[in-house]
Amino acid sequence: MQKTSAMLFTVLKKMVTGAFFLYGANVLIQQTGLHIVMNPFTAFLAGFLGLPGVLSLAAIHFFIFR
């Protein structure tokens, strides 16, 4: 039971960290017209991969929607 709760806490911590990364990236790149959508999947991806994850999400958004 403790192992499951520790894993859940780690996932939630990564999601919150990723949400902060995405918010910061959106503030920095708002002048370029890009906007990375914040949802649980992108927040987890950004939290798990860190800065390379945020840059990858921005690149994907740029190349698909531009």
Protein backbone atom coordinates (compact mmCIF):
# COMPACT_ATOMS: atom_id res chain seq x y z
CA MET A 1 0.00 0.00 0.00
CA GLN A 2 2.82 2.43 0.81
CA LYS A 3 4.54 1.65 -2.47
CA THR A 4 1.39 2.60 -4.39
CA SER A 5 0.90 5.83 -2.47
CA ALA A 6 4.57 6.76 -2.94
CA MET A 7 4.25 6.19 -6.68
CA LEU A 8 1.06 8.26 -6.82
CA PHE A 9 2.75 11.07 -4.91
CA THR A 10 5.69 11.00 -7.34
CA VAL A 11 3.38 11.15 -10.36
CA LEU A 12 1.42 14.06 -8.87
CA LYS A 13 4.65 15.88 -8.02
CA LYS A 14 5.88 15.49 -11.59
CA MET A 15 2.56 16.74 -12.95
CA VAL A 16 2.67 19.86 -10.77
CA THR A 17 6.28 20.51 -11.73
CA GLY A 18 5.41 20.04 -15.39
CA ALA A 19 2.49 22.46 -15.08
CA PHE A 20 4.86 25.10 -13.71
CA PHE A 21 7.31 24.41 -16.56
CA LEU A 22 4.51 24.76 -19.11
CA TYR A 23 3.23 27.96 -17.52
CA GLY A 24 6.72 29.46 -17.58
CA ALA A 25 7.23 28.41 -21.18
CA ASN A 26 3.87 29.88 -22.19
CA VAL A 27 4.75 33.18 -20.52
CA LEU A 28 8.12 33.29 -22.30
CA ILE A 29 6.85 32.36 -25.77
CA GLN A 30 3.58 34.30 -25.79
CA GLN A 31 5.19 37.00 -27.95
CA THR A 32 5.80 34.49 -30.75
CA GLY A 33 2.16 33.45 -30.91
CA LEU A 34 2.78 29.90 -29.67
CA HIS A 35 0.73 28.42 -26.88
CA ILE A 36 1.34 24.96 -25.43
CA VAL A 37 -1.88 23.44 -24.15
CA MET A 38 -1.84 22.54 -20.47
CA ASN A 39 -3.57 19.25 -19.70
CA PRO A 40 -2.63 16.30 -17.46
CA PHE A 41 -0.76 14.50 -20.25
CA THR A 42 1.38 17.47 -21.28
CA ALA A 43 1.98 18.41 -17.64
CA PHE A 44 3.18 14.89 -16.85
CA LEU A 45 5.34 14.78 -19.98
CA ALA A 46 6.92 18.12 -19.16
CA GLY A 47 7.48 17.10 -15.54
CA PHE A 48 8.93 13.72 -16.46
CA LEU A 49 11.22 14.95 -19.25
CA GLY A 50 11.96 18.41 -17.89
CA LEU A 51 13.16 21.19 -20.17
CA PRO A 52 13.70 18.89 -23.18
CA GLY A 53 10.08 17.79 -22.83
CA VAL A 54 8.82 21.37 -22.86
CA LEU A 55 10.98 22.17 -25.89
CA SER A 56 9.69 19.05 -27.64
CA LEU A 57 6.08 20.04 -26.97
CA ALA A 58 6.77 23.53 -28.33
CA ALA A 59 8.45 22.09 -31.44
CA ILE A 60 5.58 19.66 -32.04
CA HIS A 61 3.06 22.47 -31.71
CA PHE A 62 5.10 24.72 -34.02
CA PHE A 63 5.54 22.14 -36.78
CA ILE A 64 2.02 20.71 -36.69
CA PHE A 65 -0.04 23.87 -36.26
CA ARG A 66 2.06 26.36 -38.28
